Amino acid sequence: MDAKQAAAHKAVEYIKDGMVVGLGTGSTAYWAIQYLAERVKQGLRVTTVATSAETEKIARECGIVVEEIDSVGSIDIDIDGADEIDAGMNLVKGGGGALLREKIVAAASREFIVIAGGNKRVDTLGKFPLPVEVIPFGWKHTAKQLAALGCTPSLRKKDGQNFITDSGNYIIDCHFGSIPEPATLQQQINNIAGVVENGLFVKMATRVVLGYDDGTTKEFF
């Protein structure tokens, strides 16, 4: 069991019978889906909400019930990964391109458990490029305004083409190097016309589970 698997396995222990569960996107969240599927096969009854088309596909293939977010009253627990986690449990997310739906699901959840390998814990956010989801119209102008905040922006590509999110938008990866005040930057970015959402998750996580390659975990809440 590696670091990602250890964190995911621990987080899934918090899921109880009858819960509505948010399923994150990415390599660490993938393991949470697998471990949840094992518990479902053992008789656990849950309803889930997926943060991406990819996650929905994986969950359904594993025999997990997936519903649209607006068909559930509330979400009990959301389990998702992160690209960076600081000491205040602020996050950078969106490396997989699902940050908009991930943030919507996290915001609708009573508890938001973040799972990651211990290497994702940092003193200051920003070494990992901050993903910003923008509408395609006028994206170059949006990128200029992002650059004015002190970053080097680059339009995300996939297979030589512009990366398109599940919501039909572009991702601009913003290389800040350091983000000492994530709450301030989050607001500045979201004030830019053309920005849909950004990958700073400030004071949203209620619990962080870090996994290590020896199979152990550490929790922060």
Protein backbone atom coordinates (compact mmCIF):
# COMPACT_ATOMS: atom_id res chain seq x y z
CA MET A 1 0.00 0.00 0.00
CA ASP A 2 1.58 3.27 -1.12
CA ALA A 3 1.03 6.79 0.22
CA LYS A 4 -2.04 7.56 -1.91
CA GLN A 5 -3.66 4.24 -1.14
CA ALA A 6 -3.02 4.61 2.60
CA ALA A 7 -4.65 8.07 2.73
CA ALA A 8 -7.63 6.95 0.66
CA HIS A 9 -8.18 3.80 2.71
CA LYS A 10 -8.22 5.77 5.96
CA ALA A 11 -10.63 8.42 4.66
CA VAL A 12 -13.14 5.85 3.43
CA GLU A 13 -13.42 4.57 7.01
CA TYR A 14 -15.38 7.75 7.84
CA ILE A 15 -18.18 6.82 5.43
CA LYS A 16 -21.23 5.40 7.19
CA ASP A 17 -24.27 3.53 5.92
CA GLY A 18 -26.86 5.76 4.25
CA MET A 19 -24.51 8.69 3.60
CA VAL A 20 -24.35 10.86 0.50
CA VAL A 21 -20.69 10.98 -0.55
CA GLY A 22 -18.83 13.33 -2.86
CA LEU A 23 -16.25 11.55 -5.02
CA GLY A 24 -13.20 13.53 -6.05
CA THR A 25 -11.15 13.38 -9.23
CA GLY A 26 -7.56 12.27 -9.75
CA SER A 27 -5.13 9.52 -8.87
CA THR A 28 -5.62 9.63 -5.09
CA ALA A 29 -9.40 9.96 -5.29
CA TYR A 30 -9.35 6.94 -7.62
CA TRP A 31 -8.22 4.79 -4.71
CA ALA A 32 -10.98 6.16 -2.49
CA ILE A 33 -13.49 5.03 -5.13
CA GLN A 34 -11.93 1.56 -5.21
CA TYR A 35 -12.03 1.18 -1.42
CA LEU A 36 -15.58 2.51 -1.29
CA ALA A 37 -16.57 -0.03 -3.94
CA GLU A 38 -15.19 -2.81 -1.74
CA ARG A 39 -17.38 -1.65 1.14
CA VAL A 40 -20.42 -1.37 -1.13
CA LYS A 41 -19.92 -4.98 -2.21
CA GLN A 42 -19.88 -5.86 1.49
CA GLY A 43 -23.30 -4.24 1.95
CA LEU A 44 -22.63 -0.53 2.61
CA ARG A 45 -25.43 1.61 1.18
CA VAL A 46 -24.37 5.00 -0.13
CA THR A 47 -25.37 7.52 -2.76
CA THR A 48 -22.55 9.45 -4.42
CA VAL A 49 -22.03 12.65 -6.38
CA ALA A 50 -19.15 12.73 -8.87
CA THR A 51 -16.89 15.73 -9.49
CA SER A 52 -16.12 14.79 -13.09
CA ALA A 53 -17.32 12.64 -15.97
CA GLU A 54 -14.24 10.47 -15.47
CA THR A 55 -15.04 9.87 -11.80
CA GLU A 56 -18.68 9.10 -12.60
CA LYS A 57 -17.59 6.50 -15.17
CA ILE A 58 -15.16 4.81 -12.75
CA ALA A 59 -17.70 4.78 -9.91
CA ARG A 60 -20.50 3.29 -12.02
CA GLU A 61 -18.15 0.61 -13.35
CA CYS A 62 -17.39 -0.28 -9.71
CA GLY A 63 -21.08 -0.70 -8.92
CA ILE A 64 -21.46 2.56 -6.97
CA VAL A 65 -24.71 4.54 -7.25
CA VAL A 66 -24.05 8.02 -8.71
CA GLU A 67 -26.65 10.79 -8.71
CA GLU A 68 -26.72 14.36 -10.01
CA ILE A 69 -25.79 16.89 -7.34
CA ASP A 70 -29.13 18.70 -7.58
CA SER A 71 -31.02 15.47 -6.90
CA VAL A 72 -29.53 15.10 -3.42
CA GLY A 73 -30.47 17.28 -0.48
CA SER A 74 -26.99 17.61 0.95
CA ILE A 75 -23.65 15.81 0.91
CA ASP A 76 -22.39 14.24 4.13
CA ILE A 77 -18.74 13.69 3.21
CA ASP A 78 -16.67 14.72 0.21
CA ILE A 79 -13.35 12.92 -0.30
CA ASP A 80 -10.89 14.45 -2.76
CA GLY A 81 -7.18 14.91 -3.37
CA ALA A 82 -5.04 18.03 -3.55
CA ASP A 83 -1.92 19.23 -5.37
CA GLU A 84 -0.69 21.27 -2.40
CA ILE A 85 -1.77 21.62 1.25
CA ASP A 86 -0.41 24.29 3.59
CA ALA A 87 -0.32 24.32 7.40
CA GLY A 88 -3.70 26.10 7.52
CA MET A 89 -5.28 23.33 5.40
CA ASN A 90 -5.61 25.70 2.44
CA LEU A 91 -5.29 23.87 -0.87
CA VAL A 92 -4.26 24.16 -4.47
CA LYS A 93 -6.42 21.84 -6.57
CA GLY A 94 -7.20 21.39 -10.24
CA GLY A 95 -4.23 19.50 -11.62
CA GLY A 96 -6.75 17.13 -13.14
CA GLY A 97 -8.84 19.96 -14.56
CA ALA A 98 -11.97 19.35 -12.45
CA LEU A 99 -11.57 22.24 -9.99
CA LEU A 100 -14.93 23.91 -10.70
CA ARG A 101 -17.06 20.86 -9.99
CA GLU A 102 -14.73 19.84 -7.18
CA LYS A 103 -15.29 23.19 -5.46
CA ILE A 104 -19.06 23.06 -5.96
CA VAL A 105 -19.23 19.60 -4.38
CA ALA A 106 -16.87 20.54 -1.54
CA ALA A 107 -18.91 23.65 -0.76
CA ALA A 108 -22.10 21.58 -0.59
CA SER A 109 -20.60 19.03 1.82
CA ARG A 110 -20.83 18.95 5.60
CA GLU A 111 -17.35 17.44 5.81
CA PHE A 112 -14.58 17.80 3.22
CA ILE A 113 -11.80 15.25 3.71
CA VAL A 114 -8.64 15.88 1.71
CA ILE A 115 -6.43 12.89 0.96
CA ALA A 116 -2.84 13.08 -0.31
CA GLY A 117 0.64 11.72 -0.01
CA GLY A 118 2.74 13.40 2.66
CA ASN A 119 4.79 15.12 -0.05
CA LYS A 120 1.83 17.39 -0.84
CA ARG A 121 2.22 19.22 2.48
CA VAL A 122 4.03 22.53 1.95
CA ASP A 123 4.92 25.58 4.03
CA THR A 124 3.58 28.00 1.40
CA LEU A 125 1.32 27.33 -1.57
CA GLY A 126 2.35 28.26 -5.08
CA LYS A 127 5.14 26.04 -6.33
CA PHE A 128 2.48 23.98 -8.10
CA PRO A 129 0.92 26.13 -10.86
CA LEU A 130 -2.49 27.43 -9.80
CA PRO A 131 -5.22 26.28 -12.21
CA VAL A 132 -7.81 28.90 -13.15
CA GLU A 133 -10.89 27.92 -15.15
CA VAL A 134 -11.89 30.57 -17.68
CA ILE A 135 -14.45 30.85 -20.44
CA PRO A 136 -12.94 30.49 -23.93
CA PHE A 137 -14.23 33.87 -25.12
CA GLY A 138 -11.51 36.48 -24.63
CA TRP A 139 -9.23 34.09 -22.75
CA LYS A 140 -6.08 35.93 -23.83
CA HIS A 141 -7.39 39.12 -22.23
CA THR A 142 -8.26 37.17 -19.10
CA ALA A 143 -4.73 35.75 -19.07
CA LYS A 144 -3.26 39.27 -19.23
CA GLN A 145 -5.22 40.29 -16.15
CA LEU A 146 -4.07 37.14 -14.35
CA ALA A 147 -0.48 37.98 -15.25
CA ALA A 148 -0.95 41.43 -13.69
CA LEU A 149 -1.41 39.66 -10.34
CA GLY A 150 2.19 38.45 -10.53
CA CYS A 151 2.07 35.10 -12.29
CA THR A 152 3.19 33.63 -15.58
CA PRO A 153 0.03 32.21 -17.18
CA SER A 154 -0.04 29.35 -19.66
CA LEU A 155 -3.05 27.84 -21.43
CA ARG A 156 -3.34 24.14 -20.64
CA LYS A 157 -3.02 21.77 -23.57
CA LYS A 158 -3.80 18.08 -23.98
CA ASP A 159 -2.66 16.03 -26.97
CA GLY A 160 -1.70 19.24 -28.75
CA GLN A 161 -5.15 20.77 -28.36
CA ASN A 162 -6.59 23.23 -25.86
CA PHE A 163 -7.71 21.33 -22.76
CA ILE A 164 -11.50 21.51 -22.34
CA THR A 165 -13.12 21.01 -18.93
CA ASP A 166 -16.33 19.06 -18.36
CA SER A 167 -18.11 22.43 -18.32
CA GLY A 168 -16.66 23.46 -21.69
CA ASN A 169 -14.09 25.92 -20.39
CA TYR A 170 -10.32 26.42 -20.65
CA ILE A 171 -7.73 26.09 -17.88
CA ILE A 172 -4.99 28.68 -17.45
CA ASP A 173 -2.17 27.42 -15.23
CA CYS A 174 -0.75 30.35 -13.28
CA HIS A 175 2.86 30.06 -12.14
CA PHE A 176 3.12 32.23 -9.03
CA GLY A 177 6.01 30.48 -7.31
CA SER A 178 4.65 31.52 -3.91
CA ILE A 179 1.15 32.32 -2.62
CA PRO A 180 1.58 33.66 0.92
CA GLU A 181 -1.98 35.04 1.13
CA PRO A 182 -4.30 32.56 -0.58
CA ALA A 183 -7.55 34.16 0.62
CA THR A 184 -6.61 37.53 -0.87
CA LEU A 185 -5.43 36.03 -4.15
CA GLN A 186 -8.54 33.90 -4.46
CA GLN A 187 -10.73 36.99 -4.31
CA GLN A 188 -8.53 38.96 -6.72
CA ILE A 189 -8.66 36.18 -9.30
CA ASN A 190 -12.40 35.68 -9.04
CA ASN A 191 -12.93 39.42 -9.55
CA ILE A 192 -11.48 39.15 -13.08
CA ALA A 193 -14.09 39.04 -15.84
CA GLY A 194 -13.88 35.75 -17.70
CA VAL A 195 -12.75 33.74 -14.69
CA VAL A 196 -15.19 30.99 -13.73
CA GLU A 197 -13.32 29.66 -10.67
CA ASN A 198 -9.79 29.09 -9.40
CA GLY A 199 -8.02 26.20 -7.72
CA LEU A 200 -7.46 27.85 -4.34
CA PHE A 201 -9.60 26.08 -1.74
CA VAL A 202 -9.33 28.38 1.28
CA LYS A 203 -10.59 27.19 4.67
CA MET A 204 -12.77 24.55 3.02
CA ALA A 205 -11.10 21.33 4.19
CA THR A 206 -12.36 20.00 7.51
CA ARG A 207 -9.87 17.12 7.72
CA VAL A 208 -6.62 16.25 5.94
CA VAL A 209 -5.38 12.67 5.76
CA LEU A 210 -1.76 12.34 4.63
CA GLY A 211 -0.50 8.92 3.61
CA TYR A 212 3.04 7.56 3.52
CA ASP A 213 4.68 4.74 1.59
CA ASP A 214 5.00 2.60 4.71
CA GLY A 215 1.19 2.49 4.89
CA THR A 216 0.85 4.89 7.83
CA THR A 217 -1.26 8.04 7.90
CA LYS A 218 -1.36 11.36 9.74
CA GLU A 219 -4.50 13.44 10.19
CA PHE A 220 -5.05 17.15 10.67
CA PHE A 221 -8.37 18.83 11.45
